Amino acid sequence: MSVGHHKAGFLFTGWHMAGVMVLFFGTIISVNVLMAYYASTSWSGLVAKNTYIASQEFNGKAAAIREMLATGIKGKLTVNGDEIRYNLSIPEQGPVAADRITAHFRRPVGEHQDFVVELASAGQGDYVASHPVLAGQWIVEIVAERDGKTIMHEANRITVTGASK
């Protein structure tokens, strides 16, 4: 038997382990940062004070919305500077009269800038109010009532541009 050169195999050192840990935790941290970015820059969803009660009321609210949609009434919101305008009509039939229309402006996150305004009739299905609306994202919930019954209830997410922040 001859004594020759024996080639050593791969030796896993502390530096290799450090590299594995950096890659592993780096991947996890990178994904978390990416998800946090997406969460903070996208739709925030809606908040319910009590999710159990909200879930119990869902079917009743859905039936009321189906009934309301069957009337064919459509609403169109425009915000221009301090003017808030809402048009209520049935396409191909004309304007719809309402006794009371309120617009609830809410920020997707936070409550400190939220406000509610009541719109006054301007004729021909147009309803207006004057209130400053800051630039940015808003969720606007509009409720129109006639004879004590809700004839239109809708919520839209809008972006207001050109106003002061």
Protein backbone atom coordinates (compact mmCIF):
# COMPACT_ATOMS: atom_id res chain seq x y z
CA MET A 1 0.00 0.00 0.00
CA SER A 2 1.35 3.29 -0.91
CA VAL A 3 0.92 6.44 0.95
CA GLY A 4 -0.34 9.10 -1.40
CA HIS A 5 -1.99 12.41 -1.36
CA HIS A 6 -5.47 12.24 0.02
CA LYS A 7 -7.76 15.08 -1.12
CA ALA A 8 -9.88 16.48 1.70
CA GLY A 9 -13.65 16.72 1.15
CA PHE A 10 -15.79 19.80 1.59
CA LEU A 11 -15.60 21.25 5.06
CA PHE A 12 -18.68 23.16 6.29
CA THR A 13 -17.34 26.02 8.38
CA GLY A 14 -18.84 28.75 10.51
CA TRP A 15 -18.61 31.14 7.56
CA HIS A 16 -20.81 28.82 5.53
CA MET A 17 -23.37 28.71 8.36
CA ALA A 18 -23.31 32.50 8.63
CA GLY A 19 -23.99 32.73 4.87
CA VAL A 20 -26.91 30.28 5.11
CA MET A 21 -28.42 32.27 7.98
CA VAL A 22 -28.01 35.61 6.17
CA LEU A 23 -29.67 34.20 3.04
CA PHE A 24 -32.50 32.56 5.00
CA PHE A 25 -33.36 35.52 7.22
CA GLY A 26 -32.65 37.99 4.41
CA THR A 27 -35.32 36.29 2.31
CA ILE A 28 -37.85 36.37 5.15
CA ILE A 29 -37.13 40.02 5.95
CA SER A 30 -37.29 41.01 2.27
CA VAL A 31 -40.70 39.37 1.82
CA ASN A 32 -42.02 41.01 5.01
CA VAL A 33 -40.82 44.44 3.88
CA LEU A 34 -42.45 43.93 0.47
CA MET A 35 -45.75 42.83 2.03
CA ALA A 36 -45.68 45.78 4.46
CA TYR A 37 -45.18 48.12 1.49
CA TYR A 38 -48.11 46.59 -0.41
CA ALA A 39 -50.30 46.75 2.70
CA SER A 40 -49.57 50.43 3.29
CA THR A 41 -50.05 51.54 -0.33
CA SER A 42 -53.14 49.60 -1.33
CA TRP A 43 -56.83 49.39 -0.43
CA SER A 44 -57.18 49.40 3.32
CA GLY A 45 -60.57 47.73 3.48
CA LEU A 46 -63.40 48.77 5.71
CA VAL A 47 -63.49 48.58 9.47
CA ALA A 48 -66.48 47.20 11.36
CA LYS A 49 -66.82 48.00 15.05
CA ASN A 50 -68.21 44.54 15.76
CA THR A 51 -67.56 41.98 13.04
CA TYR A 52 -69.99 39.45 14.51
CA ILE A 53 -72.92 41.88 14.37
CA ALA A 54 -71.87 43.03 10.89
CA SER A 55 -71.92 39.43 9.67
CA GLN A 56 -75.40 38.89 11.16
CA GLU A 57 -76.75 41.99 9.36
CA PHE A 58 -75.19 41.11 5.99
CA ASN A 59 -78.11 39.18 4.44
CA GLY A 60 -80.66 41.86 5.33
CA LYS A 61 -78.47 44.59 3.91
CA ALA A 62 -77.82 42.58 0.75
CA ALA A 63 -81.58 42.10 0.18
CA ALA A 64 -82.21 45.83 0.68
CA ILE A 65 -79.47 46.68 -1.82
CA ARG A 66 -80.91 44.27 -4.41
CA GLU A 67 -84.33 45.92 -3.99
CA MET A 68 -82.81 49.39 -4.33
CA LEU A 69 -80.84 48.42 -7.46
CA ALA A 70 -84.01 47.09 -9.08
CA THR A 71 -85.40 50.65 -9.17
CA GLY A 72 -82.71 51.65 -11.71
CA ILE A 73 -81.77 54.83 -9.85
CA LYS A 74 -78.19 55.92 -10.49
CA GLY A 75 -76.10 58.52 -8.72
CA LYS A 76 -73.11 60.52 -9.95
CA LEU A 77 -70.79 62.33 -7.56
CA THR A 78 -68.45 65.15 -8.58
CA VAL A 79 -66.12 67.12 -6.34
CA ASN A 80 -64.71 70.34 -7.76
CA GLY A 81 -62.86 72.56 -5.33
CA ASP A 82 -65.23 73.24 -2.44
CA GLU A 83 -68.31 72.19 -4.42
CA ILE A 84 -69.77 68.72 -3.86
CA ARG A 85 -72.38 67.82 -6.47
CA TYR A 86 -74.50 64.69 -6.71
CA ASN A 87 -76.90 63.88 -9.52
CA LEU A 88 -79.69 61.38 -8.92
CA SER A 89 -81.56 60.01 -11.94
CA ILE A 90 -82.97 57.00 -13.71
CA PRO A 91 -81.20 56.70 -17.05
CA GLU A 92 -83.52 57.32 -20.01
CA GLN A 93 -86.29 58.48 -17.64
CA GLY A 94 -84.89 61.59 -16.00
CA PRO A 95 -84.11 63.10 -12.62
CA VAL A 96 -85.16 61.62 -9.28
CA ALA A 97 -86.33 63.74 -6.37
CA ALA A 98 -85.13 63.07 -2.83
CA ASP A 99 -86.12 64.67 0.46
CA ARG A 100 -82.67 64.36 2.00
CA ILE A 101 -79.20 63.48 0.73
CA THR A 102 -76.18 63.16 3.00
CA ALA A 103 -72.60 62.50 1.98
CA HIS A 104 -70.21 60.92 4.49
CA PHE A 105 -66.59 61.59 3.53
CA ARG A 106 -64.15 59.22 5.24
CA ARG A 107 -60.45 58.70 4.85
CA PRO A 108 -59.52 55.04 4.21
CA VAL A 109 -57.30 55.16 7.30
CA GLY A 110 -57.89 57.44 10.25
CA GLU A 111 -60.87 59.51 11.32
CA HIS A 112 -59.54 62.99 12.07
CA GLN A 113 -60.47 64.45 8.63
CA ASP A 114 -63.86 62.71 8.22
CA PHE A 115 -66.96 64.85 7.77
CA VAL A 116 -70.64 64.64 6.86
CA VAL A 117 -72.51 67.16 4.69
CA GLU A 118 -76.14 67.45 3.72
CA LEU A 119 -76.72 68.34 0.09
CA ALA A 120 -79.44 70.80 -0.96
CA SER A 121 -81.57 70.43 -4.06
CA ALA A 122 -80.47 72.50 -7.06
CA GLY A 123 -83.25 71.16 -9.32
CA GLN A 124 -83.29 68.54 -12.07
CA GLY A 125 -81.95 65.79 -9.80
CA ASP A 126 -78.87 67.82 -8.82
CA TYR A 127 -77.92 68.25 -5.16
CA VAL A 128 -75.07 70.46 -3.99
CA ALA A 129 -73.12 71.40 -0.89
CA SER A 130 -70.12 73.59 -0.23
CA HIS A 131 -67.38 72.13 1.94
CA PRO A 132 -63.59 72.01 1.52
CA VAL A 133 -62.39 68.54 0.49
CA LEU A 134 -58.69 67.93 0.99
CA ALA A 135 -56.65 66.19 -1.70
CA GLY A 136 -56.15 62.45 -1.47
CA GLN A 137 -58.14 59.25 -1.15
CA TRP A 138 -61.70 59.32 0.23
CA ILE A 139 -64.47 56.80 0.70
CA VAL A 140 -67.73 58.66 0.10
CA GLU A 141 -70.94 57.07 1.32
CA ILE A 142 -74.06 58.76 -0.02
CA VAL A 143 -77.55 58.14 1.32
CA ALA A 144 -80.63 59.53 -0.44
CA GLU A 145 -84.03 59.33 1.24
CA ARG A 146 -87.58 60.02 0.10
CA ASP A 147 -90.63 59.71 2.35
CA GLY A 148 -88.45 58.26 5.12
CA LYS A 149 -87.20 55.40 2.91
CA THR A 150 -83.70 55.01 1.49
CA ILE A 151 -83.87 55.23 -2.30
CA MET A 152 -80.12 55.27 -2.94
CA HIS A 153 -77.21 54.17 -0.79
CA GLU A 154 -73.80 53.85 -2.34
CA ALA A 155 -70.17 54.12 -1.36
CA ASN A 156 -67.40 55.03 -3.75
CA ARG A 157 -63.69 55.42 -3.35
CA ILE A 158 -62.52 58.62 -5.00
CA THR A 159 -59.29 60.53 -5.40
CA VAL A 160 -59.41 64.29 -5.06
CA THR A 161 -56.60 66.13 -6.84
CA GLY A 162 -55.72 69.78 -7.03
CA ALA A 163 -56.91 70.65 -3.53
CA SER A 164 -54.53 71.56 -0.73
CA LYS A 165 -53.22 68.73 1.44
